Amino acid sequence: MNRTAPRGALWALLAGNFVIGTGVMAVPGTLNEISTSLDVTVATAGQLITAAAMVMCLGAPLLAAVVAGWDRRLLLTLTLVWYAAGHALAALMPSFAALLPVRMLTVVAPAIFTPQAAACAGMLVPQEHRGRAVTFVFLGWSVASVLGLPIGALIGGHLGWRTAFGAIALLSLASAGWVWLTLPTGIRPAALTAAAWSRVLRSPVLMGIVSVTALQGSGQFVLFSYFGPILKRDFGADPGTLSLMWALFGLFGLAGNMLVSRFIDRLGAGRMVLVTSSLIALSLLLWPSAHTLPWLAAVLVPWGLGCFAANSAQQARLVGLAPALAPGSVALNSSGIYVGQAVGAALGGWLLAHDASAWMSLVGLALLLTAISVSVAVDRSRRPA
């Protein structure tokens, strides 16, 4: 395998995650427009998030086994081409009933790309730099929150959600070309045997970490899924204001991920998970006190710092604990992310539909505190008696 230019390949994988993240977050960013355009309630439109998350949750481990022997250059390139086609087709759908299955097929791409890019990054660098390489590649999701999400929301607010989806399709094609041109050939992680999958699934530590990811995601997406509608309803936010708030959130998300990428190998992934989860919990605790947009912006700062950084730290935690099992454990961790999105979006939609939106932050906080407790217990279980 050619390892002469791993940095260029890592940048291409980061860019791929940027496109993947922008596409995944396109629905929360344009939820108001989708709801209005397709004549459904916000809670109903939000189930696009739930359905897509379930596909990604189930698809990540199943597809990890299916594509195990593929050359990663070919696999990741084709995945982005699929993503482009899915978004282009979704933009043409005339109704919610038609859009839902197309969206579910489209998000097969994130189920493959993000976990396989993480495992691939770990093979491009020496062992002592794996944590940093994995978190670097995952920075693409943070950049998506800084640029992709607010720009998508702005395009959706002024030109419609279909235009935003079309833009994502074009970005996906460009990213596919970048991956194809820069990723070395011959990257074929050894396929996990049934025995290896059994080791992952039967490991209390690895599955405990995946559970932390699911709880984190659930706690965040109770509220995160419905940022746009809530800010419009409670604060009268227009598309420009919504885009600015998304950009603020994403800017601190990028900063948090960069800090984690810089210090994770020195401080340890477990400690990073504790810090980032606590920051998210702080914002959820303070959310009910936010009665003005400036104060709400301040409340979002800790959440932004912790949101994407927590996922990066979790992936690095798994790769560092069991590198040989990383294709399986990282795929399951991606499932944890997506099952968290599904559960959180469903809970949030139920609360919103039953006029109980005041409870959304408290439900999310309870789930985050549970995640923190499980994470601490996992770390303690690994210490010698």
Protein backbone atom coordinates (compact mmCIF):
# COMPACT_ATOMS: atom_id res chain seq x y z
CA MET A 1 0.00 0.00 0.00
CA ASN A 2 1.27 3.49 -0.85
CA ARG A 3 1.73 5.49 2.34
CA THR A 4 3.73 8.36 0.87
CA ALA A 5 0.94 10.92 1.12
CA PRO A 6 -1.32 9.99 4.06
CA ARG A 7 -1.98 13.64 4.91
CA GLY A 8 -3.72 14.31 1.61
CA ALA A 9 -5.82 11.19 2.11
CA LEU A 10 -6.76 12.28 5.64
CA TRP A 11 -7.90 15.65 4.30
CA ALA A 12 -10.03 13.88 1.68
CA LEU A 13 -11.63 11.72 4.38
CA LEU A 14 -12.26 14.84 6.47
CA ALA A 15 -13.95 16.45 3.45
CA GLY A 16 -16.03 13.33 2.94
CA ASN A 17 -17.24 13.51 6.52
CA PHE A 18 -18.04 17.18 5.95
CA VAL A 19 -20.35 16.26 3.08
CA ILE A 20 -21.82 13.32 4.98
CA GLY A 21 -22.45 15.47 8.05
CA THR A 22 -23.97 18.29 6.00
CA GLY A 23 -26.37 15.83 4.38
CA VAL A 24 -27.37 14.19 7.66
CA MET A 25 -28.02 17.58 9.28
CA ALA A 26 -29.85 18.94 6.24
CA VAL A 27 -33.22 17.76 7.58
CA PRO A 28 -32.94 19.48 11.01
CA GLY A 29 -31.64 22.58 9.23
CA THR A 30 -34.58 22.74 6.78
CA LEU A 31 -37.31 21.19 8.92
CA ASN A 32 -39.53 24.29 8.76
CA GLU A 33 -39.32 24.37 4.95
CA ILE A 34 -39.94 20.63 4.53
CA SER A 35 -42.95 20.83 6.83
CA THR A 36 -44.45 23.76 4.91
CA SER A 37 -43.59 22.49 1.43
CA LEU A 38 -44.99 19.00 1.93
CA ASP A 39 -47.93 20.12 4.11
CA VAL A 40 -47.14 18.03 7.18
CA THR A 41 -46.62 18.98 10.82
CA VAL A 42 -43.15 19.67 12.17
CA ALA A 43 -43.41 16.57 14.39
CA THR A 44 -44.24 14.45 11.33
CA ALA A 45 -41.42 15.96 9.27
CA GLY A 46 -39.09 15.23 12.18
CA GLN A 47 -39.70 11.53 11.70
CA LEU A 48 -37.45 11.78 8.64
CA ILE A 49 -34.68 12.05 11.24
CA THR A 50 -35.95 9.04 13.17
CA ALA A 51 -36.38 6.81 10.11
CA ALA A 52 -33.03 7.75 8.63
CA ALA A 53 -31.29 7.23 11.96
CA MET A 54 -32.72 3.73 12.27
CA VAL A 55 -31.40 2.85 8.81
CA MET A 56 -27.95 4.16 9.73
CA CYS A 57 -28.09 2.39 13.08
CA LEU A 58 -28.85 -1.02 11.58
CA GLY A 59 -26.82 -0.46 8.44
CA ALA A 60 -23.47 0.44 10.01
CA PRO A 61 -22.64 -2.98 11.51
CA LEU A 62 -24.43 -5.02 8.82
CA LEU A 63 -22.75 -3.18 5.97
CA ALA A 64 -19.38 -3.30 7.74
CA ALA A 65 -19.54 -7.07 7.33
CA VAL A 66 -20.76 -6.89 3.71
CA VAL A 67 -18.02 -4.50 2.52
CA ALA A 68 -15.21 -5.91 4.65
CA GLY A 69 -13.11 -7.09 1.70
CA TRP A 70 -13.57 -4.01 -0.49
CA ASP A 71 -10.71 -1.70 -1.34
CA ARG A 72 -11.44 1.39 0.75
CA ARG A 73 -10.64 3.80 -2.07
CA LEU A 74 -13.35 2.26 -4.26
CA LEU A 75 -15.79 1.74 -1.41
CA LEU A 76 -15.65 5.29 -0.05
CA THR A 77 -15.82 6.83 -3.52
CA LEU A 78 -18.91 4.82 -4.52
CA THR A 79 -20.52 5.62 -1.18
CA LEU A 80 -20.29 9.35 -1.90
CA VAL A 81 -21.65 8.84 -5.43
CA TRP A 82 -24.64 7.00 -3.91
CA TYR A 83 -25.11 9.94 -1.51
CA ALA A 84 -25.14 12.36 -4.44
CA ALA A 85 -27.74 10.35 -6.32
CA GLY A 86 -29.94 10.02 -3.23
CA HIS A 87 -30.01 13.75 -2.52
CA ALA A 88 -30.67 14.59 -6.15
CA LEU A 89 -33.59 12.16 -6.23
CA ALA A 90 -34.94 13.36 -2.88
CA ALA A 91 -35.08 16.92 -4.21
CA LEU A 92 -37.57 15.74 -6.86
CA MET A 93 -40.01 13.99 -4.52
CA PRO A 94 -43.54 15.47 -4.58
CA SER A 95 -44.77 14.33 -1.14
CA PHE A 96 -43.68 13.28 2.32
CA ALA A 97 -44.69 9.69 1.59
CA ALA A 98 -42.40 9.67 -1.46
CA LEU A 99 -39.55 11.47 0.29
CA LEU A 100 -39.37 9.14 3.30
CA PRO A 101 -38.18 5.95 1.53
CA VAL A 102 -35.76 7.90 -0.67
CA ARG A 103 -34.25 9.48 2.42
CA MET A 104 -33.93 6.10 4.07
CA LEU A 105 -32.05 4.72 1.05
CA THR A 106 -29.84 7.80 0.82
CA VAL A 107 -28.53 7.46 4.36
CA VAL A 108 -27.07 4.05 3.63
CA ALA A 109 -24.04 6.19 2.70
CA PRO A 110 -23.37 7.62 6.18
CA ALA A 111 -23.79 4.12 7.61
CA ILE A 112 -20.79 3.08 5.53
CA PHE A 113 -18.65 6.18 5.13
CA THR A 114 -18.08 7.52 8.64
CA PRO A 115 -17.11 4.25 10.39
CA GLN A 116 -15.05 3.02 7.44
CA ALA A 117 -13.28 6.37 7.11
CA ALA A 118 -12.37 6.20 10.81
CA ALA A 119 -11.00 2.68 10.51
CA CYS A 120 -9.17 3.64 7.31
CA ALA A 121 -7.57 6.69 8.97
CA GLY A 122 -6.19 4.46 11.70
CA MET A 123 -4.38 2.40 9.03
CA LEU A 124 -2.79 5.41 7.34
CA VAL A 125 -0.67 6.52 10.31
CA PRO A 126 1.61 4.94 12.92
CA GLN A 127 -0.06 3.46 15.99
CA GLU A 128 0.95 6.33 18.28
CA HIS A 129 -0.95 8.80 16.07
CA ARG A 130 -4.16 6.82 15.59
CA GLY A 131 -6.23 8.79 18.09
CA ARG A 132 -5.30 12.08 16.50
CA ALA A 133 -5.89 10.77 12.95
CA VAL A 134 -9.38 9.47 13.82
CA THR A 135 -10.40 12.72 15.52
CA PHE A 136 -8.90 14.73 12.64
CA VAL A 137 -11.04 12.90 10.09
CA PHE A 138 -14.09 13.38 12.31
CA LEU A 139 -13.45 17.16 12.22
CA GLY A 140 -15.40 17.03 8.96
CA TRP A 141 -18.59 16.72 10.97
CA SER A 142 -17.66 19.81 12.98
CA VAL A 143 -16.91 21.76 9.81
CA ALA A 144 -20.31 20.63 8.51
CA SER A 145 -21.90 22.18 11.58
CA VAL A 146 -19.95 25.43 11.09
CA LEU A 147 -20.47 25.82 7.34
CA GLY A 148 -22.67 23.10 5.88
CA LEU A 149 -25.58 23.25 8.31
CA PRO A 150 -26.02 27.05 8.51
CA ILE A 151 -25.47 27.54 4.77
CA GLY A 152 -27.90 24.71 4.05
CA ALA A 153 -30.43 26.26 6.41
CA LEU A 154 -29.94 29.65 4.75
CA ILE A 155 -30.36 28.18 1.27
CA GLY A 156 -33.40 26.22 2.45
CA GLY A 157 -34.94 29.29 4.05
CA HIS A 158 -34.58 31.45 0.94
CA LEU A 159 -34.54 29.03 -2.00
CA GLY A 160 -36.28 25.97 -0.55
CA TRP A 161 -35.12 22.66 0.85
CA ARG A 162 -34.97 21.10 -2.62
CA THR A 163 -32.22 23.54 -3.64
CA ALA A 164 -30.31 22.74 -0.45
CA PHE A 165 -30.51 19.01 -1.22
CA GLY A 166 -29.33 19.64 -4.79
CA ALA A 167 -26.29 21.51 -3.47
CA ILE A 168 -25.43 18.55 -1.23
CA ALA A 169 -25.61 16.25 -4.27
CA LEU A 170 -23.03 18.39 -6.09
CA LEU A 171 -20.75 18.50 -3.05
CA SER A 172 -20.97 14.71 -2.76
CA LEU A 173 -19.76 14.25 -6.33
CA ALA A 174 -16.84 16.64 -5.77
CA SER A 175 -15.89 14.82 -2.58
CA ALA A 176 -16.05 11.45 -4.33
CA GLY A 177 -13.51 12.71 -6.85
CA TRP A 178 -11.19 13.95 -4.10
CA VAL A 179 -11.26 10.61 -2.28
CA TRP A 180 -10.59 8.72 -5.50
CA LEU A 181 -7.59 10.91 -6.39
CA THR A 182 -5.88 10.95 -2.99
CA LEU A 183 -6.64 7.78 -1.08
CA PRO A 184 -4.01 5.06 -1.57
CA THR A 185 -5.07 1.81 -3.18
CA GLY A 186 -4.86 -1.48 -1.40
CA ILE A 187 -6.36 -0.45 1.95
CA ARG A 188 -8.23 -3.59 2.90
CA PRO A 189 -8.68 -4.05 6.65
CA ALA A 190 -8.90 -7.70 7.52
CA ALA A 191 -12.50 -8.82 7.56
CA LEU A 192 -13.76 -9.50 11.05
CA THR A 193 -14.51 -13.15 11.59
CA ALA A 194 -17.59 -14.33 13.42
CA ALA A 195 -15.34 -14.89 16.41
CA ALA A 196 -14.09 -11.29 16.24
CA TRP A 197 -17.64 -9.93 16.04
CA SER A 198 -18.46 -12.10 19.02
CA ARG A 199 -15.53 -10.57 20.93
CA VAL A 200 -16.86 -7.08 20.19
CA LEU A 201 -20.45 -7.89 21.13
CA ARG A 202 -19.46 -9.79 24.28
CA SER A 203 -17.00 -7.16 25.51
CA PRO A 204 -18.56 -5.24 28.44
CA VAL A 205 -16.09 -2.39 27.92
CA LEU A 206 -16.62 -1.95 24.15
CA MET A 207 -20.40 -2.33 24.36
CA GLY A 208 -20.46 -0.04 27.39
CA ILE A 209 -18.74 2.64 25.32
CA VAL A 210 -21.27 2.14 22.51
CA SER A 211 -24.08 2.51 25.07
CA VAL A 212 -22.58 5.82 26.18
CA THR A 213 -22.69 7.03 22.57
CA ALA A 214 -26.36 6.03 22.21
CA LEU A 215 -27.31 7.79 25.45
CA GLN A 216 -25.38 10.92 24.45
CA GLY A 217 -27.13 11.04 21.09
CA SER A 218 -30.57 10.46 22.58
CA GLY A 219 -30.09 13.25 25.11
CA GLN A 220 -28.99 15.73 22.47
CA PHE A 221 -31.49 14.94 19.73
CA VAL A 222 -34.56 15.32 21.93
CA LEU A 223 -33.93 19.04 21.48
CA PHE A 224 -31.39 19.31 18.66
CA SER A 225 -33.78 17.82 16.08
CA TYR A 226 -36.23 20.67 16.62
CA PHE A 227 -33.93 23.68 17.10
CA GLY A 228 -35.32 25.40 14.00
CA PRO A 229 -39.04 25.11 14.80
CA ILE A 230 -38.50 25.99 18.48
CA LEU A 231 -36.44 29.08 17.70
CA LYS A 232 -39.03 30.17 15.14
CA ARG A 233 -41.93 29.61 17.54
CA ASP A 234 -40.42 30.95 20.78
CA PHE A 235 -38.08 33.64 19.48
CA GLY A 236 -39.57 34.57 16.10
CA ALA A 237 -36.29 33.63 14.39
CA ASP A 238 -36.19 34.17 10.61
CA PRO A 239 -33.96 32.10 8.24
CA GLY A 240 -31.05 34.51 8.67
CA THR A 241 -31.21 34.33 12.45
CA LEU A 242 -31.53 30.55 12.39
CA SER A 243 -28.52 30.29 10.12
CA LEU A 244 -26.52 32.53 12.46
CA MET A 245 -27.43 30.39 15.48
CA TRP A 246 -26.50 27.20 13.62
CA ALA A 247 -23.20 28.81 12.61
CA LEU A 248 -22.45 29.82 16.21
CA PHE A 249 -23.17 26.31 17.42
CA GLY A 250 -21.00 24.84 14.68
CA LEU A 251 -18.14 27.26 15.27
CA PHE A 252 -17.79 26.12 18.85
CA GLY A 253 -18.29 22.53 17.69
CA LEU A 254 -15.25 22.92 15.43
CA ALA A 255 -13.26 24.51 18.25
CA GLY A 256 -14.17 21.69 20.62
CA ASN A 257 -13.19 19.01 18.13
CA MET A 258 -9.88 20.70 17.38
CA LEU A 259 -9.08 20.87 21.09
CA VAL A 260 -9.91 17.20 21.53
CA SER A 261 -7.83 16.27 18.48
CA ARG A 262 -4.87 18.15 19.94
CA PHE A 263 -4.98 16.81 23.49
CA ILE A 264 -6.69 13.41 23.36
CA ASP A 265 -3.52 11.34 23.02
CA ARG A 266 -2.06 13.17 26.02
CA LEU A 267 -5.06 13.20 28.37
CA GLY A 268 -6.84 10.01 27.36
CA ALA A 269 -10.10 9.40 25.51
CA GLY A 270 -12.08 8.45 28.64
CA ARG A 271 -11.39 11.79 30.30
CA MET A 272 -12.25 13.63 27.10
CA VAL A 273 -15.61 11.87 26.94
CA LEU A 274 -16.36 12.91 30.53
CA VAL A 275 -15.47 16.56 29.85
CA THR A 276 -17.39 16.83 26.59
CA SER A 277 -20.49 15.08 27.96
CA SER A 278 -20.50 17.39 30.97
CA LEU A 279 -20.41 20.44 28.70
CA ILE A 280 -23.48 19.20 26.82
CA ALA A 281 -25.28 18.48 30.08
CA LEU A 282 -24.52 22.03 31.30
CA SER A 283 -26.26 23.56 28.28
CA LEU A 284 -29.32 21.34 28.73
CA LEU A 285 -29.45 22.34 32.39
CA LEU A 286 -29.35 26.05 31.49
CA TRP A 287 -31.75 25.82 28.51
CA PRO A 288 -34.96 26.65 30.47
CA SER A 289 -33.38 29.94 31.60
CA ALA A 290 -32.86 31.13 28.01
CA HIS A 291 -35.56 33.74 27.34
CA THR A 292 -33.64 35.94 24.89
CA LEU A 293 -31.63 35.09 21.80
CA PRO A 294 -28.33 36.50 23.17
CA TRP A 295 -28.63 34.37 26.32
CA LEU A 296 -29.65 31.36 24.26
CA ALA A 297 -26.52 31.86 22.16
CA ALA A 298 -24.43 31.81 25.34
CA VAL A 299 -26.20 28.68 26.57
CA LEU A 300 -25.35 26.91 23.31
CA VAL A 301 -21.59 27.49 23.69
CA PRO A 302 -20.82 24.55 26.03
CA TRP A 303 -23.06 22.27 23.96
CA GLY A 304 -21.25 23.26 20.78
CA LEU A 305 -17.87 22.61 22.39
CA GLY A 306 -18.93 19.14 23.50
CA CYS A 307 -21.28 17.90 20.76
CA PHE A 308 -19.03 16.65 17.96
CA ALA A 309 -15.97 16.37 20.17
CA ALA A 310 -17.75 13.74 22.27
CA ASN A 311 -18.28 11.52 19.21
CA SER A 312 -14.66 11.98 18.13
CA ALA A 313 -13.41 11.00 21.57
CA GLN A 314 -15.66 7.94 21.60
CA GLN A 315 -14.37 6.71 18.24
CA ALA A 316 -10.76 7.25 19.30
CA ARG A 317 -11.53 5.46 22.59
CA LEU A 318 -12.67 2.36 20.72
CA VAL A 319 -9.80 2.36 18.21
CA GLY A 320 -7.27 2.79 21.00
CA LEU A 321 -8.68 0.01 23.18
CA ALA A 322 -8.90 -2.65 20.49
CA PRO A 323 -7.36 -1.62 17.11
CA ALA A 324 -7.91 -5.06 15.56
CA LEU A 325 -11.61 -4.90 16.37
CA ALA A 326 -12.00 -1.26 15.24
CA PRO A 327 -13.96 -1.99 12.01
CA GLY A 328 -16.65 -3.68 14.10
CA SER A 329 -16.57 -1.52 17.22
CA VAL A 330 -16.51 1.76 15.29
CA ALA A 331 -19.38 0.54 13.10
CA LEU A 332 -21.38 -0.31 16.23
CA ASN A 333 -20.48 3.07 17.69
CA SER A 334 -21.90 4.71 14.58
CA SER A 335 -25.03 2.65 15.21
CA GLY A 336 -25.02 4.08 18.71
CA ILE A 337 -24.89 7.61 17.31
CA TYR A 338 -27.80 6.92 14.99
CA VAL A 339 -29.97 5.01 17.43
CA GLY A 340 -29.48 7.99 19.73
CA GLN A 341 -30.70 10.29 16.97
CA ALA A 342 -33.70 8.07 16.32
CA VAL A 343 -34.72 7.78 19.97
CA GLY A 344 -34.06 11.45 20.68
CA ALA A 345 -35.97 12.69 17.61
CA ALA A 346 -38.89 10.38 18.39
CA LEU A 347 -39.01 11.51 22.03
CA GLY A 348 -38.74 15.14 21.04
CA GLY A 349 -41.43 14.78 18.39
CA TRP A 350 -43.76 13.12 20.90
CA LEU A 351 -43.20 15.90 23.46
CA LEU A 352 -43.69 18.57 20.80
CA ALA A 353 -46.89 16.96 19.51
CA HIS A 354 -48.26 16.80 23.08
CA ASP A 355 -47.46 20.44 23.93
CA ALA A 356 -44.77 19.34 26.38
CA SER A 357 -41.79 21.06 24.76
CA ALA A 358 -40.82 22.55 28.14
CA TRP A 359 -39.74 19.04 29.16
CA MET A 360 -37.45 18.47 26.18
CA SER A 361 -34.28 19.85 27.76
CA LEU A 362 -34.94 18.02 31.06
CA VAL A 363 -35.47 14.68 29.32
CA GLY A 364 -32.27 15.29 27.37
CA LEU A 365 -30.39 16.19 30.55
CA ALA A 366 -31.50 12.98 32.27
CA LEU A 367 -30.18 10.94 29.34
CA LEU A 368 -26.85 12.82 29.35
CA LEU A 369 -26.38 12.25 33.07
CA THR A 370 -27.04 8.55 32.51
CA ALA A 371 -24.40 8.53 29.75
CA ILE A 372 -21.87 10.15 32.08
CA SER A 373 -22.58 7.58 34.78
CA VAL A 374 -22.13 4.67 32.37
CA SER A 375 -18.90 6.17 31.00
CA VAL A 376 -17.42 6.53 34.48
CA ALA A 377 -18.43 2.96 35.30
CA VAL A 378 -16.73 1.68 32.13
CA ASP A 379 -13.48 3.46 33.01
CA ARG A 380 -13.56 2.14 36.57
CA SER A 381 -14.13 -1.41 35.35
CA ARG A 382 -10.86 -1.24 33.39
CA ARG A 383 -8.75 -0.25 36.37
CA PRO A 384 -6.93 -2.99 38.28
CA ALA A 385 -8.46 -3.81 41.64
